[in-house]
């Protein structure tokens, strides 16, 4: 929330849907990893839905899908 407030330049409880969208784009543009981005979205979601009781602000914020990779299977010689 501190980083979001710093990005806005004002109290986060005055944020709009557009502010949230701009913040998400800001994070992506600055190379934030998908895991960190999802943690940030979860924190914002809790703040707006539970603390402020304003769930309508989070309707367009969705977690980032992360590609799933298969584990490397070792051959008997490698084991």
PDB file of N, CA and C in Angstrom:
ATOM      1  N   UNK A   1       0.824  -1.189   0.000  1.00  0.00           N
ATOM      2  CA  UNK A   1       0.000   0.000   0.000  1.00  0.00           C
ATOM      3  C   UNK A   1       0.870   1.255   0.000  1.00  0.00           C
ATOM      4  N   UNK A   2       2.011   1.161   0.651  1.00  0.00           N
ATOM      5  CA  UNK A   2       2.906   2.317   0.701  1.00  0.00           C
ATOM      6  C   UNK A   2       3.377   2.697  -0.706  1.00  0.00           C
ATOM      7  N   UNK A   3       3.741   1.685  -1.498  1.00  0.00           N
ATOM      8  CA  UNK A   3       4.188   1.956  -2.866  1.00  0.00           C
ATOM      9  C   UNK A   3       3.051   2.503  -3.730  1.00  0.00           C
ATOM     10  N   UNK A   4       1.848   1.997  -3.527  1.00  0.00           N
ATOM     11  CA  UNK A   4       0.700   2.484  -4.282  1.00  0.00           C
ATOM     12  C   UNK A   4       0.402   3.933  -3.913  1.00  0.00           C
ATOM     13  N   UNK A   5       0.467   4.253  -2.625  1.00  0.00           N
ATOM     14  CA  UNK A   5       0.245   5.629  -2.177  1.00  0.00           C
ATOM     15  C   UNK A   5       1.325   6.560  -2.744  1.00  0.00           C
ATOM     16  N   UNK A   6       2.559   6.071  -2.784  1.00  0.00           N
ATOM     17  CA  UNK A   6       3.649   6.879  -3.339  1.00  0.00           C
ATOM     18  C   UNK A   6       3.425   7.107  -4.833  1.00  0.00           C
ATOM     19  N   UNK A   7       2.954   6.079  -5.533  1.00  0.00           N
ATOM     20  CA  UNK A   7       2.660   6.210  -6.958  1.00  0.00           C
ATOM     21  C   UNK A   7       1.556   7.233  -7.194  1.00  0.00           C
ATOM     22  N   UNK A   8       0.496   7.175  -6.376  1.00  0.00           N
ATOM     23  CA  UNK A   8      -0.633   8.094  -6.536  1.00  0.00           C
ATOM     24  C   UNK A   8      -0.289   9.525  -6.136  1.00  0.00           C
ATOM     25  N   UNK A   9       0.500   9.651  -5.092  1.00  0.00           N
ATOM     26  CA  UNK A   9       0.797  10.977  -4.563  1.00  0.00           C
ATOM     27  C   UNK A   9      -0.296  11.486  -3.641  1.00  0.00           C
ATOM     28  N   UNK A  10      -1.182  10.582  -3.240  1.00  0.00           N
ATOM     29  CA  UNK A  10      -2.259  10.935  -2.306  1.00  0.00           C
ATOM     30  C   UNK A  10      -2.699   9.662  -1.586  1.00  0.00           C
ATOM     31  N   UNK A  11      -3.683   9.787  -0.740  1.00  0.00           N
ATOM     32  CA  UNK A  11      -4.160   8.643   0.021  1.00  0.00           C
ATOM     33  C   UNK A  11      -4.757   7.580  -0.901  1.00  0.00           C
ATOM     34  N   UNK A  12      -4.444   6.299  -0.678  1.00  0.00           N
ATOM     35  CA  UNK A  12      -4.963   5.250  -1.556  1.00  0.00           C
ATOM     36  C   UNK A  12      -6.477   5.072  -1.493  1.00  0.00           C
ATOM     37  N   UNK A  13      -7.114   5.527  -0.428  1.00  0.00           N
ATOM     38  CA  UNK A  13      -8.573   5.360  -0.345  1.00  0.00           C
ATOM     39  C   UNK A  13      -9.318   6.284  -1.299  1.00  0.00           C
ATOM     40  N   UNK A  14      -8.601   7.188  -1.988  1.00  0.00           N
ATOM     41  CA  UNK A  14      -9.227   8.069  -2.979  1.00  0.00           C
ATOM     42  C   UNK A  14      -9.006   7.565  -4.405  1.00  0.00           C
ATOM     43  N   UNK A  15      -8.450   6.367  -4.550  1.00  0.00           N
ATOM     44  CA  UNK A  15      -8.102   5.835  -5.869  1.00  0.00           C
ATOM     45  C   UNK A  15      -9.340   5.486  -6.681  1.00  0.00           C
ATOM     46  N   UNK A  16      -9.171   5.537  -7.991  1.00  0.00           N
ATOM     47  CA  UNK A  16     -10.233   5.156  -8.918  1.00  0.00           C
ATOM     48  C   UNK A  16      -9.801   3.904  -9.673  1.00  0.00           C
ATOM     49  N   UNK A  17     -10.696   3.371 -10.471  1.00  0.00           N
ATOM     50  CA  UNK A  17     -10.380   2.204 -11.290  1.00  0.00           C
ATOM     51  C   UNK A  17      -9.234   2.538 -12.246  1.00  0.00           C
ATOM     52  N   UNK A  18      -9.250   3.729 -12.793  1.00  0.00           N
ATOM     53  CA  UNK A  18      -8.187   4.161 -13.708  1.00  0.00           C
ATOM     54  C   UNK A  18      -6.840   4.244 -12.997  1.00  0.00           C
ATOM     55  N   UNK A  19      -6.826   4.703 -11.739  1.00  0.00           N
ATOM     56  CA  UNK A  19      -5.577   4.753 -10.963  1.00  0.00           C
ATOM     57  C   UNK A  19      -5.008   3.352 -10.773  1.00  0.00           C
ATOM     58  N   UNK A  20      -5.865   2.394 -10.488  1.00  0.00           N
ATOM     59  CA  UNK A  20      -5.414   1.015 -10.303  1.00  0.00           C
ATOM     60  C   UNK A  20      -4.859   0.444 -11.604  1.00  0.00           C
ATOM     61  N   UNK A  21      -5.506   0.743 -12.713  1.00  0.00           N
ATOM     62  CA  UNK A  21      -5.029   0.272 -14.007  1.00  0.00           C
ATOM     63  C   UNK A  21      -3.666   0.873 -14.337  1.00  0.00           C
ATOM     64  N   UNK A  22      -3.522   2.175 -14.097  1.00  0.00           N
ATOM     65  CA  UNK A  22      -2.238   2.837 -14.357  1.00  0.00           C
ATOM     66  C   UNK A  22      -1.138   2.262 -13.475  1.00  0.00           C
ATOM     67  N   UNK A  23      -1.467   1.932 -12.211  1.00  0.00           N
ATOM     68  CA  UNK A  23      -0.467   1.362 -11.307  1.00  0.00           C
ATOM     69  C   UNK A  23      -0.031  -0.019 -11.778  1.00  0.00           C
ATOM     70  N   UNK A  24      -0.978  -0.826 -12.230  1.00  0.00           N
ATOM     71  CA  UNK A  24      -0.632  -2.153 -12.730  1.00  0.00           C
ATOM     72  C   UNK A  24       0.266  -2.034 -13.964  1.00  0.00           C
ATOM     73  N   UNK A  25      -0.051  -1.120 -14.867  1.00  0.00           N
ATOM     74  CA  UNK A  25       0.794  -0.899 -16.049  1.00  0.00           C
ATOM     75  C   UNK A  25       2.177  -0.382 -15.650  1.00  0.00           C
ATOM     76  N   UNK A  26       2.218   0.469 -14.646  1.00  0.00           N
ATOM     77  CA  UNK A  26       3.490   0.990 -14.133  1.00  0.00           C
ATOM     78  C   UNK A  26       4.370  -0.156 -13.627  1.00  0.00           C
ATOM     79  N   UNK A  27       3.766  -1.081 -12.891  1.00  0.00           N
ATOM     80  CA  UNK A  27       4.532  -2.215 -12.368  1.00  0.00           C
ATOM     81  C   UNK A  27       5.056  -3.098 -13.497  1.00  0.00           C
ATOM     82  N   UNK A  28       4.228  -3.351 -14.486  1.00  0.00           N
ATOM     83  CA  UNK A  28       4.640  -4.185 -15.617  1.00  0.00           C
ATOM     84  C   UNK A  28       5.761  -3.492 -16.398  1.00  0.00           C
ATOM     85  N   UNK A  29       5.626  -2.196 -16.626  1.00  0.00           N
ATOM     86  CA  UNK A  29       6.643  -1.446 -17.371  1.00  0.00           C
ATOM     87  C   UNK A  29       7.991  -1.424 -16.656  1.00  0.00           C
ATOM     88  N   UNK A  30       7.974  -1.510 -15.330  1.00  0.00           N
ATOM     89  CA  UNK A  30       9.212  -1.479 -14.565  1.00  0.00           C
ATOM     90  C   UNK A  30       9.756  -2.877 -14.287  1.00  0.00           C
ATOM     91  N   UNK A  31       9.224  -3.885 -14.981  1.00  0.00           N
ATOM     92  CA  UNK A  31       9.797  -5.230 -14.896  1.00  0.00           C
ATOM     93  C   UNK A  31       9.445  -6.025 -13.656  1.00  0.00           C
ATOM     94  N   UNK A  32       8.338  -5.723 -13.033  1.00  0.00           N
ATOM     95  CA  UNK A  32       7.915  -6.480 -11.864  1.00  0.00           C
ATOM     96  C   UNK A  32       7.595  -7.907 -12.281  1.00  0.00           C
ATOM     97  N   UNK A  33       8.086  -8.878 -11.522  1.00  0.00           N
ATOM     98  CA  UNK A  33       7.859 -10.282 -11.867  1.00  0.00           C
ATOM     99  C   UNK A  33       6.381 -10.629 -11.700  1.00  0.00           C
ATOM    100  N   UNK A  34       5.914 -11.657 -12.410  1.00  0.00           N
ATOM    101  CA  UNK A  34       4.511 -12.062 -12.274  1.00  0.00           C
ATOM    102  C   UNK A  34       4.131 -12.430 -10.837  1.00  0.00           C
ATOM    103  N   UNK A  35       5.042 -13.048 -10.108  1.00  0.00           N
ATOM    104  CA  UNK A  35       4.758 -13.420  -8.719  1.00  0.00           C
ATOM    105  C   UNK A  35       4.558 -12.167  -7.870  1.00  0.00           C
ATOM    106  N   UNK A  36       5.450 -11.198  -8.005  1.00  0.00           N
ATOM    107  CA  UNK A  36       5.326  -9.952  -7.237  1.00  0.00           C
ATOM    108  C   UNK A  36       4.086  -9.176  -7.649  1.00  0.00           C
ATOM    109  N   UNK A  37       3.779  -9.199  -8.926  1.00  0.00           N
ATOM    110  CA  UNK A  37       2.579  -8.518  -9.410  1.00  0.00           C
ATOM    111  C   UNK A  37       1.321  -9.144  -8.805  1.00  0.00           C
ATOM    112  N   UNK A  38       1.280 -10.457  -8.732  1.00  0.00           N
ATOM    113  CA  UNK A  38       0.132 -11.129  -8.128  1.00  0.00           C
ATOM    114  C   UNK A  38       0.023 -10.847  -6.636  1.00  0.00           C
ATOM    115  N   UNK A  39       1.153 -10.755  -5.949  1.00  0.00           N
ATOM    116  CA  UNK A  39       1.127 -10.393  -4.526  1.00  0.00           C
ATOM    117  C   UNK A  39       0.579  -8.985  -4.339  1.00  0.00           C
ATOM    118  N   UNK A  40       0.987  -8.080  -5.195  1.00  0.00           N
ATOM    119  CA  UNK A  40       0.508  -6.697  -5.122  1.00  0.00           C
ATOM    120  C   UNK A  40      -0.991  -6.628  -5.374  1.00  0.00           C
ATOM    121  N   UNK A  41      -1.466  -7.347  -6.386  1.00  0.00           N
ATOM    122  CA  UNK A  41      -2.896  -7.358  -6.697  1.00  0.00           C
ATOM    123  C   UNK A  41      -3.690  -7.935  -5.533  1.00  0.00           C
ATOM    124  N   UNK A  42      -3.171  -8.976  -4.901  1.00  0.00           N
ATOM    125  CA  UNK A  42      -3.856  -9.569  -3.748  1.00  0.00           C
ATOM    126  C   UNK A  42      -3.950  -8.571  -2.596  1.00  0.00           C
ATOM    127  N   UNK A  43      -2.869  -7.838  -2.332  1.00  0.00           N
ATOM    128  CA  UNK A  43      -2.893  -6.834  -1.276  1.00  0.00           C
ATOM    129  C   UNK A  43      -3.869  -5.710  -1.570  1.00  0.00           C
ATOM    130  N   UNK A  44      -3.875  -5.235  -2.812  1.00  0.00           N
ATOM    131  CA  UNK A  44      -4.817  -4.181  -3.205  1.00  0.00           C
ATOM    132  C   UNK A  44      -6.256  -4.684  -3.107  1.00  0.00           C
ATOM    133  N   UNK A  45      -6.463  -5.926  -3.529  1.00  0.00           N
ATOM    134  CA  UNK A  45      -7.809  -6.510  -3.473  1.00  0.00           C
ATOM    135  C   UNK A  45      -8.309  -6.563  -2.034  1.00  0.00           C
ATOM    136  N   UNK A  46      -7.462  -6.989  -1.106  1.00  0.00           N
ATOM    137  CA  UNK A  46      -7.861  -7.028   0.300  1.00  0.00           C
ATOM    138  C   UNK A  46      -8.185  -5.626   0.801  1.00  0.00           C
ATOM    139  N   UNK A  47      -7.333  -4.668   0.478  1.00  0.00           N
ATOM    140  CA  UNK A  47      -7.535  -3.303   0.949  1.00  0.00           C
ATOM    141  C   UNK A  47      -8.860  -2.729   0.462  1.00  0.00           C
ATOM    142  N   UNK A  48      -9.127  -2.867  -0.842  1.00  0.00           N
ATOM    143  CA  UNK A  48     -10.335  -2.259  -1.387  1.00  0.00           C
ATOM    144  C   UNK A  48     -11.602  -3.050  -1.103  1.00  0.00           C
ATOM    145  N   UNK A  49     -11.523  -4.382  -1.092  1.00  0.00           N
ATOM    146  CA  UNK A  49     -12.733  -5.177  -0.879  1.00  0.00           C
ATOM    147  C   UNK A  49     -13.081  -5.356   0.589  1.00  0.00           C
ATOM    148  N   UNK A  50     -12.094  -5.587   1.433  1.00  0.00           N
ATOM    149  CA  UNK A  50     -12.363  -5.874   2.845  1.00  0.00           C
ATOM    150  C   UNK A  50     -12.293  -4.610   3.695  1.00  0.00           C
ATOM    151  N   UNK A  51     -11.192  -3.882   3.573  1.00  0.00           N
ATOM    152  CA  UNK A  51     -10.996  -2.720   4.435  1.00  0.00           C
ATOM    153  C   UNK A  51     -11.926  -1.572   4.082  1.00  0.00           C
ATOM    154  N   UNK A  52     -11.976  -1.200   2.805  1.00  0.00           N
ATOM    155  CA  UNK A  52     -12.790  -0.052   2.388  1.00  0.00           C
ATOM    156  C   UNK A  52     -14.200  -0.427   1.940  1.00  0.00           C
ATOM    157  N   UNK A  53     -14.439  -1.722   1.742  1.00  0.00           N
ATOM    158  CA  UNK A  53     -15.741  -2.217   1.261  1.00  0.00           C
ATOM    159  C   UNK A  53     -16.128  -1.549  -0.060  1.00  0.00           C
ATOM    160  N   UNK A  54     -15.167  -1.520  -0.990  1.00  0.00           N
ATOM    161  CA  UNK A  54     -15.388  -0.966  -2.328  1.00  0.00           C
ATOM    162  C   UNK A  54     -14.932  -1.977  -3.381  1.00  0.00           C
ATOM    163  N   UNK A  55     -15.602  -3.130  -3.470  1.00  0.00           N
ATOM    164  CA  UNK A  55     -15.141  -4.177  -4.399  1.00  0.00           C
ATOM    165  C   UNK A  55     -15.251  -3.792  -5.866  1.00  0.00           C
ATOM    166  N   UNK A  56     -16.063  -2.794  -6.189  1.00  0.00           N
ATOM    167  CA  UNK A  56     -16.233  -2.409  -7.592  1.00  0.00           C
ATOM    168  C   UNK A  56     -14.930  -1.895  -8.205  1.00  0.00           C
ATOM    169  N   UNK A  57     -13.995  -1.440  -7.383  1.00  0.00           N
ATOM    170  CA  UNK A  57     -12.730  -0.937  -7.908  1.00  0.00           C
ATOM    171  C   UNK A  57     -11.835  -2.062  -8.431  1.00  0.00           C
ATOM    172  N   UNK A  58     -12.021  -3.264  -7.921  1.00  0.00           N
ATOM    173  CA  UNK A  58     -11.132  -4.362  -8.282  1.00  0.00           C
ATOM    174  C   UNK A  58     -11.701  -5.275  -9.365  1.00  0.00           C
ATOM    175  N   UNK A  59     -12.815  -4.909  -9.973  1.00  0.00           N
ATOM    176  CA  UNK A  59     -13.442  -5.804 -10.943  1.00  0.00           C
ATOM    177  C   UNK A  59     -12.580  -6.053 -12.172  1.00  0.00           C
ATOM    178  N   UNK A  60     -11.727  -5.113 -12.548  1.00  0.00           N
ATOM    179  CA  UNK A  60     -10.906  -5.278 -13.750  1.00  0.00           C
ATOM    180  C   UNK A  60      -9.485  -5.726 -13.450  1.00  0.00           C
ATOM    181  N   UNK A  61      -9.140  -5.902 -12.193  1.00  0.00           N
ATOM    182  CA  UNK A  61      -7.800  -6.348 -11.817  1.00  0.00           C
ATOM    183  C   UNK A  61      -7.807  -7.870 -11.693  1.00  0.00           C
ATOM    184  N   UNK A  62      -7.031  -8.526 -12.531  1.00  0.00           N
ATOM    185  CA  UNK A  62      -6.970  -9.977 -12.519  1.00  0.00           C
ATOM    186  C   UNK A  62      -5.525 -10.424 -12.317  1.00  0.00           C
ATOM    187  N   UNK A  63      -5.338 -11.544 -11.621  1.00  0.00           N
ATOM    188  CA  UNK A  63      -3.974 -12.058 -11.447  1.00  0.00           C
ATOM    189  C   UNK A  63      -3.346 -12.412 -12.785  1.00  0.00           C
ATOM    190  N   UNK A  64      -2.041 -12.349 -12.828  1.00  0.00           N
ATOM    191  CA  UNK A  64      -1.290 -12.672 -14.029  1.00  0.00           C
ATOM    192  C   UNK A  64      -1.100 -14.188 -14.081  1.00  0.00           C
ATOM    193  N   UNK A  65      -1.424 -14.772 -15.212  1.00  0.00           N
ATOM    194  CA  UNK A  65      -1.212 -16.216 -15.378  1.00  0.00           C
ATOM    195  C   UNK A  65       0.279 -16.464 -15.592  1.00  0.00           C
ATOM    196  N   UNK A  66       0.790 -17.438 -14.863  1.00  0.00           N
ATOM    197  CA  UNK A  66       2.194 -17.791 -14.994  1.00  0.00           C
ATOM    198  C   UNK A  66       2.289 -19.118 -15.740  1.00  0.00           C
ATOM    199  N   UNK A  67       3.191 -19.203 -16.706  1.00  0.00           N
ATOM    200  CA  UNK A  67       3.316 -20.458 -17.452  1.00  0.00           C
ATOM    201  C   UNK A  67       3.807 -21.576 -16.540  1.00  0.00           C
ATOM    202  N   UNK A  68       3.213 -22.720 -16.724  1.00  0.00           N
ATOM    203  CA  UNK A  68       3.633 -23.885 -15.945  1.00  0.00           C
ATOM    204  C   UNK A  68       4.665 -24.648 -16.746  1.00  0.00           C
ATOM    205  N   UNK A  69       5.725 -25.040 -16.092  1.00  0.00           N
ATOM    206  CA  UNK A  69       6.774 -25.794 -16.768  1.00  0.00           C
ATOM    207  C   UNK A  69       6.832 -27.198 -16.189  1.00  0.00           C
ATOM    208  N   UNK A  70       7.153 -28.127 -17.039  1.00  0.00           N
ATOM    209  CA  UNK A  70       7.284 -29.508 -16.596  1.00  0.00           C
ATOM    210  C   UNK A  70       8.644 -29.700 -15.948  1.00  0.00           C
ATOM    211  N   UNK A  71       8.701 -30.570 -14.950  1.00  0.00           N
ATOM    212  CA  UNK A  71      10.007 -30.818 -14.319  1.00  0.00           C
ATOM    213  C   UNK A  71      10.926 -31.580 -15.267  1.00  0.00           C
ATOM    214  N   UNK A  72      12.205 -31.420 -15.073  1.00  0.00           N
ATOM    215  CA  UNK A  72      13.185 -32.136 -15.871  1.00  0.00           C
ATOM    216  C   UNK A  72      13.298 -33.546 -15.312  1.00  0.00           C
ATOM    217  N   UNK A  73      13.119 -34.527 -16.188  1.00  0.00           N
ATOM    218  CA  UNK A  73      13.219 -35.926 -15.769  1.00  0.00           C
ATOM    219  C   UNK A  73      14.630 -36.401 -16.081  1.00  0.00           C
ATOM    220  N   UNK A  74      15.307 -36.894 -15.051  1.00  0.00           N
ATOM    221  CA  UNK A  74      16.672 -37.362 -15.224  1.00  0.00           C
ATOM    222  C   UNK A  74      16.696 -38.773 -15.777  1.00  0.00           C
ATOM    223  N   UNK A  75      17.680 -39.036 -16.597  1.00  0.00           N
ATOM    224  CA  UNK A  75      17.840 -40.393 -17.106  1.00  0.00           C
ATOM    225  C   UNK A  75      18.470 -41.235 -16.006  1.00  0.00           C
ATOM    226  N   UNK A  76      18.414 -42.562 -16.126  1.00  0.00           N
ATOM    227  CA  UNK A  76      19.052 -43.434 -15.115  1.00  0.00           C
ATOM    228  C   UNK A  76      20.550 -43.134 -14.953  1.00  0.00           C
ATOM    229  N   UNK A  77      21.230 -42.786 -16.055  1.00  0.00           N
ATOM    230  CA  UNK A  77      22.656 -42.474 -15.946  1.00  0.00           C
ATOM    231  C   UNK A  77      22.896 -41.191 -15.163  1.00  0.00           C
ATOM    232  N   UNK A  78      22.008 -40.221 -15.302  1.00  0.00           N
ATOM    233  CA  UNK A  78      22.163 -38.939 -14.586  1.00  0.00           C
ATOM    234  C   UNK A  78      21.883 -39.089 -13.092  1.00  0.00           C
ATOM    235  N   UNK A  79      21.021 -40.050 -12.763  1.00  0.00           N
ATOM    236  CA  UNK A  79      20.696 -40.275 -11.345  1.00  0.00           C
ATOM    237  C   UNK A  79      21.895 -40.894 -10.690  1.00  0.00           C
TER     238      UNK A  79
END
